[in-house]
Protein backbone atom coordinates (compact mmCIF):
# COMPACT_ATOMS: atom_id res chain seq x y z
CA MET A 1 19.38 27.49 -91.11
CA ILE A 2 20.13 25.64 -94.35
CA SER A 3 23.75 26.83 -94.56
CA ARG A 4 24.27 25.56 -91.01
CA PHE A 5 22.65 22.28 -92.01
CA ILE A 6 25.08 21.97 -94.92
CA SER A 7 28.05 22.62 -92.65
CA LEU A 8 26.77 19.96 -90.24
CA VAL A 9 26.64 17.36 -93.01
CA VAL A 10 30.18 18.07 -94.23
CA VAL A 11 31.64 18.05 -90.70
CA ARG A 12 29.81 15.21 -88.94
CA LEU A 13 28.59 11.84 -90.15
CA PRO A 14 24.99 10.82 -89.42
CA ASP A 15 24.28 8.48 -86.54
CA ASP A 16 23.54 5.38 -88.65
CA VAL A 17 26.84 5.66 -90.55
CA LEU A 18 28.83 6.08 -87.35
CA SER A 19 27.13 3.03 -85.87
CA ALA A 20 27.82 0.94 -88.98
CA LEU A 21 31.49 1.91 -89.01
CA ALA A 22 31.84 1.06 -85.33
CA SER A 23 30.27 -2.36 -85.88
CA ALA A 24 32.44 -3.07 -88.92
CA SER A 25 35.62 -2.14 -87.08
CA LYS A 26 34.89 -4.63 -84.30
CA ILE A 27 34.81 -7.69 -86.55
CA GLU A 28 38.22 -7.10 -88.13
CA SER A 29 41.25 -8.99 -86.85
CA SER A 30 43.97 -7.76 -89.20
CA PRO A 31 46.23 -5.17 -87.51
CA HIS A 32 46.59 -3.01 -90.62
CA VAL A 33 42.82 -2.99 -91.21
CA LYS A 34 42.29 -1.96 -87.60
CA LEU A 35 44.72 0.91 -88.21
CA VAL A 36 42.56 2.07 -91.11
CA TYR A 37 39.50 2.27 -88.88
CA GLU A 38 41.50 4.04 -86.18
CA ALA A 39 42.54 6.65 -88.75
CA MET A 40 38.91 7.09 -89.84
CA PHE A 41 37.66 7.70 -86.31
CA ARG A 42 40.57 9.99 -85.53
CA ASN A 43 39.75 11.95 -88.67
CA LEU A 44 36.13 12.31 -87.55
CA GLU A 45 37.21 13.39 -84.07
CA ILE A 46 39.48 16.14 -85.40
CA ALA A 47 36.85 17.38 -87.87
CA ALA A 48 34.25 17.70 -85.12
CA LYS A 49 36.66 19.34 -82.67
CA ARG A 50 37.89 21.91 -85.18
CA ASN A 51 34.54 22.27 -86.98
CA VAL A 52 36.08 21.64 -90.39
CA PRO A 53 35.05 19.35 -93.28
CA LEU A 54 35.83 15.72 -92.56
CA CYS A 55 37.07 15.28 -96.15
CA GLN A 56 38.80 17.77 -98.43
CA ASP A 57 36.44 16.73 -101.25
CA THR A 58 33.15 18.29 -100.20
CA GLY A 59 31.56 16.99 -103.37
CA VAL A 60 28.64 18.40 -105.28
CA LEU A 61 25.40 18.92 -103.40
CA GLU A 62 22.28 16.98 -104.27
CA PHE A 63 19.03 17.92 -102.54
CA PHE A 64 15.94 15.73 -102.46
CA VAL A 65 13.11 17.96 -101.33
CA GLY A 66 9.71 16.72 -100.24
CA LEU A 67 7.14 19.51 -100.16
CA GLY A 68 4.00 18.98 -98.12
CA GLU A 69 0.87 20.25 -99.82
CA GLY A 70 0.24 22.45 -96.79
CA PHE A 71 3.75 23.92 -96.67
CA THR A 72 3.45 27.57 -97.73
CA TYR A 73 7.13 28.46 -98.05
CA ALA A 74 8.07 26.24 -101.00
CA GLY A 75 9.39 29.06 -103.17
CA ASP A 76 11.32 30.61 -100.30
CA LEU A 77 12.83 27.24 -99.39
CA LEU A 78 14.10 26.56 -102.90
CA LYS A 79 15.61 30.05 -103.10
CA ALA A 80 17.21 29.58 -99.70
CA ILE A 81 18.91 26.35 -100.81
CA ARG A 82 20.90 28.13 -103.49
CA GLU A 83 21.78 31.03 -101.20
CA ALA A 84 22.86 28.59 -98.47
CA VAL A 85 25.21 26.77 -100.83
CA VAL A 86 26.93 30.04 -101.73
CA ARG A 87 27.19 31.02 -98.05
CA ALA A 88 28.58 27.64 -97.00
CA THR A 89 31.17 27.92 -99.77
CA ASN A 90 32.17 31.43 -98.72
CA ASP A 91 32.39 30.29 -95.10
CA GLY A 92 34.89 27.60 -96.05
CA PHE A 93 32.71 24.53 -95.46
CA LEU A 94 32.47 23.69 -99.16
CA ARG A 95 35.32 23.51 -101.63
CA PRO A 96 34.32 25.02 -104.99
CA ASN A 97 33.70 21.87 -107.02
CA VAL A 98 31.28 22.81 -109.80
CA VAL A 99 33.03 22.92 -113.17
CA ASP A 100 31.38 23.83 -116.47
CA PRO A 101 31.68 20.70 -118.67
CA VAL A 102 32.11 22.82 -121.81
CA THR A 103 34.67 25.39 -120.67
CA SER A 104 36.18 23.41 -117.75
CA ARG A 105 35.97 26.60 -115.68
CA ASN A 106 35.11 26.41 -112.01
CA THR A 107 32.12 28.58 -111.11
CA GLY A 108 33.74 29.39 -107.76
CA ASP A 109 30.69 29.09 -105.50
CA ASN A 110 29.24 25.61 -106.15
CA THR A 111 26.41 27.02 -108.25
CA GLY A 112 25.97 26.84 -111.98
CA LEU A 113 23.73 25.28 -114.57
CA GLY A 114 21.78 22.62 -112.67
CA HIS A 115 23.61 23.27 -109.40
CA PRO A 116 22.86 22.81 -106.67
CA TRP A 117 20.88 19.86 -108.00
CA VAL A 118 17.35 19.72 -106.55
CA GLU A 119 14.82 16.91 -106.96
CA ILE A 120 11.30 17.82 -105.83
CA GLU A 121 8.55 15.48 -104.67
CA MET A 122 5.11 16.47 -103.44
CA LEU A 123 3.98 15.02 -100.10
CA PRO A 124 0.20 14.73 -99.86
CA GLY A 125 -1.50 15.15 -96.53
CA VAL A 126 1.36 16.87 -94.66
CA ASN A 127 2.23 20.50 -93.98
CA HIS A 128 6.00 20.25 -93.51
CA ALA A 129 8.95 20.07 -95.89
CA ASP A 130 11.66 17.41 -95.87
CA LEU A 131 15.10 18.43 -97.06
CA ARG A 132 17.42 15.49 -97.75
CA LEU A 133 21.01 16.32 -98.65
CA TYR A 134 23.62 14.02 -100.17
CA ILE A 135 27.22 15.11 -100.66
CA ALA A 136 28.46 13.39 -103.83
CA GLY A 137 32.23 13.12 -103.64
CA GLY A 138 34.18 12.67 -106.87
CA GLY A 139 36.00 9.45 -106.05
CA SER A 140 32.96 7.66 -104.69
CA SER A 141 30.78 8.84 -107.60
CA ARG A 142 33.10 7.51 -110.31
CA PRO A 143 31.93 3.87 -109.99
CA GLY A 144 28.37 5.02 -110.76
CA SER A 145 26.95 2.96 -113.62
CA ALA A 146 23.61 2.25 -115.25
CA ARG A 147 22.52 -0.14 -117.96
CA VAL A 148 19.36 -1.55 -119.47
CA LEU A 149 19.44 -5.34 -119.20
CA ASP A 150 17.47 -7.97 -121.03
CA PRO A 151 14.55 -8.62 -118.64
CA ALA A 152 15.07 -12.35 -119.18
CA LEU A 153 18.19 -11.99 -117.01
CA GLY A 154 15.98 -11.19 -114.02
CA LEU A 155 17.34 -10.42 -110.56
CA GLU A 156 20.26 -12.79 -111.15
CA GLY A 157 21.39 -10.54 -113.98
CA VAL A 158 20.95 -7.50 -111.75
CA ALA A 159 23.11 -9.07 -109.04
CA GLU A 160 25.84 -9.95 -111.54
CA PHE A 161 25.90 -6.40 -112.93
CA VAL A 162 26.12 -4.82 -109.48
CA LEU A 163 28.85 -7.20 -108.34
CA ASN A 164 30.91 -6.54 -111.47
CA VAL A 165 30.65 -2.77 -111.02
CA VAL A 166 31.83 -2.92 -107.40
CA ALA A 167 34.59 -5.43 -108.16
CA GLU A 168 35.99 -3.31 -111.00
CA TYR A 169 35.53 0.22 -109.71
CA GLY A 170 35.04 -0.09 -105.95
CA PRO A 171 38.62 -0.43 -104.63
CA PRO A 172 39.69 3.21 -105.26
CA ALA A 173 36.35 4.64 -104.08
CA CYS A 174 37.35 4.68 -100.38
CA PRO A 175 35.65 1.53 -99.08
CA PRO A 176 33.92 0.31 -97.04
CA LEU A 177 31.20 1.50 -99.37
CA VAL A 178 27.48 1.97 -99.18
CA VAL A 179 25.96 0.64 -102.39
CA GLY A 180 22.68 1.96 -103.74
CA VAL A 181 20.89 0.03 -106.48
CA GLY A 182 17.92 1.20 -108.52
CA LEU A 183 15.66 -0.87 -110.75
CA GLY A 184 13.21 0.52 -113.27
CA PRO A 185 12.22 0.94 -116.91
CA THR A 186 14.96 3.35 -118.07
CA VAL A 187 18.52 4.21 -117.10
CA GLU A 188 17.70 7.66 -115.71
CA ILE A 189 14.97 6.32 -113.43
CA ALA A 190 17.17 3.47 -112.24
CA ALA A 191 20.09 5.85 -111.63
CA LEU A 192 17.93 8.26 -109.62
CA LEU A 193 16.52 5.44 -107.51
CA SER A 194 20.03 4.16 -106.82
CA LYS A 195 21.00 7.57 -105.45
CA LYS A 196 17.86 7.76 -103.30
CA ALA A 197 18.73 4.32 -101.95
CA LEU A 198 21.85 5.83 -100.38
CA LEU A 199 19.64 8.08 -98.25
CA ARG A 200 17.97 5.21 -96.44
CA THR A 201 18.95 4.32 -92.89
CA LEU A 202 21.89 1.95 -93.15
CA GLY A 203 20.88 -1.66 -92.70
CA SER A 204 17.17 -1.04 -93.28
CA ARG A 205 15.45 -3.49 -95.59
CA ASN A 206 13.17 -2.92 -98.56
CA PRO A 207 9.59 -3.86 -97.58
CA ASN A 208 9.33 -6.23 -100.54
CA PRO A 209 10.68 -9.57 -99.25
CA LYS A 210 12.24 -10.51 -102.60
CA ILE A 211 14.05 -7.19 -102.86
CA ALA A 212 15.12 -7.45 -99.21
CA LEU A 213 16.59 -10.88 -100.00
CA LEU A 214 18.41 -9.35 -102.99
CA GLU A 215 19.90 -6.72 -100.68
CA GLU A 216 21.15 -9.41 -98.33
CA ARG A 217 22.60 -11.53 -101.15
CA LEU A 218 24.36 -8.55 -102.69
CA ALA A 219 25.86 -7.49 -99.38
CA GLU A 220 27.14 -11.01 -98.78
CA ALA A 221 28.60 -11.25 -102.30
CA ILE A 222 30.24 -7.82 -102.21
CA ASN A 223 31.78 -8.46 -98.80
CA GLY A 224 32.98 -11.80 -100.17
CA LEU A 225 35.15 -9.90 -102.66
CA GLY A 226 37.60 -9.18 -99.83
CA ILE A 227 38.35 -5.63 -100.99
CA GLY A 228 37.96 -4.31 -97.45
CA PRO A 229 38.64 -0.85 -96.00
CA GLN A 230 40.63 1.33 -98.42
CA GLY A 231 41.09 -1.73 -100.63
CA LEU A 232 43.55 -3.33 -98.22
CA GLY A 233 41.54 -6.47 -97.58
CA GLY A 234 39.16 -7.25 -94.78
CA ARG A 235 35.72 -8.54 -93.96
CA THR A 236 33.67 -5.44 -94.81
CA THR A 237 33.66 -4.01 -98.31
CA ALA A 238 30.05 -2.77 -98.10
CA LEU A 239 28.57 -1.34 -94.92
CA ALA A 240 25.15 -1.73 -96.51
CA VAL A 241 23.41 -2.44 -99.82
CA HIS A 242 20.05 -0.81 -100.46
CA VAL A 243 17.76 -1.44 -103.44
CA GLU A 244 14.91 0.78 -104.59
CA TYR A 245 12.71 -0.03 -107.57
CA ALA A 246 9.92 1.19 -109.83
CA GLY A 247 7.73 -0.62 -112.32
CA ARG A 248 9.54 -1.49 -115.55
CA HIS A 249 8.60 -1.85 -119.21
CA PRO A 250 7.97 -5.46 -120.34
CA ALA A 251 10.98 -5.23 -122.65
CA THR A 252 13.45 -3.54 -120.29
CA LEU A 253 15.11 -4.06 -116.94
CA ALA A 254 17.23 -1.01 -116.14
CA VAL A 255 19.66 -1.14 -113.23
CA GLY A 256 21.61 1.75 -111.73
CA VAL A 257 24.44 1.58 -109.20
CA SER A 258 25.57 4.45 -106.99
CA THR A 259 28.29 4.14 -104.39
CA ALA A 260 29.19 6.23 -101.37
CA CYS A 261 32.54 6.03 -99.61
CA TRP A 262 32.89 5.16 -95.92
CA ALA A 263 32.19 8.84 -95.16
CA LEU A 264 28.59 8.81 -96.35
CA ARG A 265 27.68 12.46 -95.87
CA LYS A 266 23.92 12.75 -95.83
CA GLY A 267 21.41 14.70 -93.79
CA TRP A 268 17.67 15.01 -93.29
CA LEU A 269 16.20 18.32 -92.21
CA ARG A 270 12.45 18.63 -91.57
CA VAL A 271 11.03 22.16 -91.66
CA PHE A 272 7.65 22.81 -90.07
CA PRO A 273 5.05 25.46 -91.02
CA ASP A 274 6.25 27.85 -88.29
CA LEU A 275 9.82 27.43 -89.67
CA SER A 276 10.97 25.46 -86.66
CA TYR A 277 12.96 22.39 -87.63
CA GLN A 278 14.23 18.97 -86.66
CA VAL A 279 17.43 17.26 -87.82
CA LEU A 280 16.46 13.61 -88.20
CA THR A 281 19.86 12.11 -89.07
CA HIS A 282 22.06 13.64 -86.38
CA GLY A 283 20.68 13.13 -82.89
CA GLY A 284 20.73 16.01 -80.43
CA VAL A 285 21.94 18.59 -82.94
CA VAL A 286 20.86 22.22 -82.79
CA LEU A 287 21.80 24.31 -85.81
CA GLU A 288 23.55 27.33 -84.31
């Protein structure tokens, strides 16, 4: 089941990303920008028809696993994730991308020290497991940045940092981008939250009104850069900006930025106690 879920995510974009791309394409007037969108949709059509990865860079796999306290297959699920990654690689849906940073040798099957990367969260009061997958491509991951700011800079300082990161590193990261921002006490917490922000439904707003306003302001400012699809200019540089946050230390304000390219490959698989499942990101899909 999980290997088929992985192949789904690398072949087909989730419904919210497809909808956002369609909406963005409709507001462009430039002929060459329209050609870029036409190429994107043609790419997606061919990938689905041939059942092949929609991008040659199938990234590194990051799993965010929520385990219900009543879910009795936690150990089996975590073991199955690793086995599924190896199977999906052997089946040709994943390019071997995991390289040892010391030896520079490719492990050959997308496993290795810390891979596949798995973050675990306990879910009280439920008996299912939620498996969220993000495919972190190399080009779209390179703009990733995190810094601890002087808290006196406040949200204005956060906005300036995010805008500078996208302006400097965003053009070669295959825009239009999805930008995830994390706020917290330390760089690792902020960076993790920025990655989790990418998993939200595109266009959703943080329930905190001030953070929701920050999301809107950042999206407006980033789109005002005029980078546009593939850096060729246009009205949409960011399909969405999402901000997640945690309580900070009085002396720190850490901010993390993660970016995803236009092909935001993410998936959400819910596994129930009887091992039946539901794919929540791709409507009408049955994992065969």
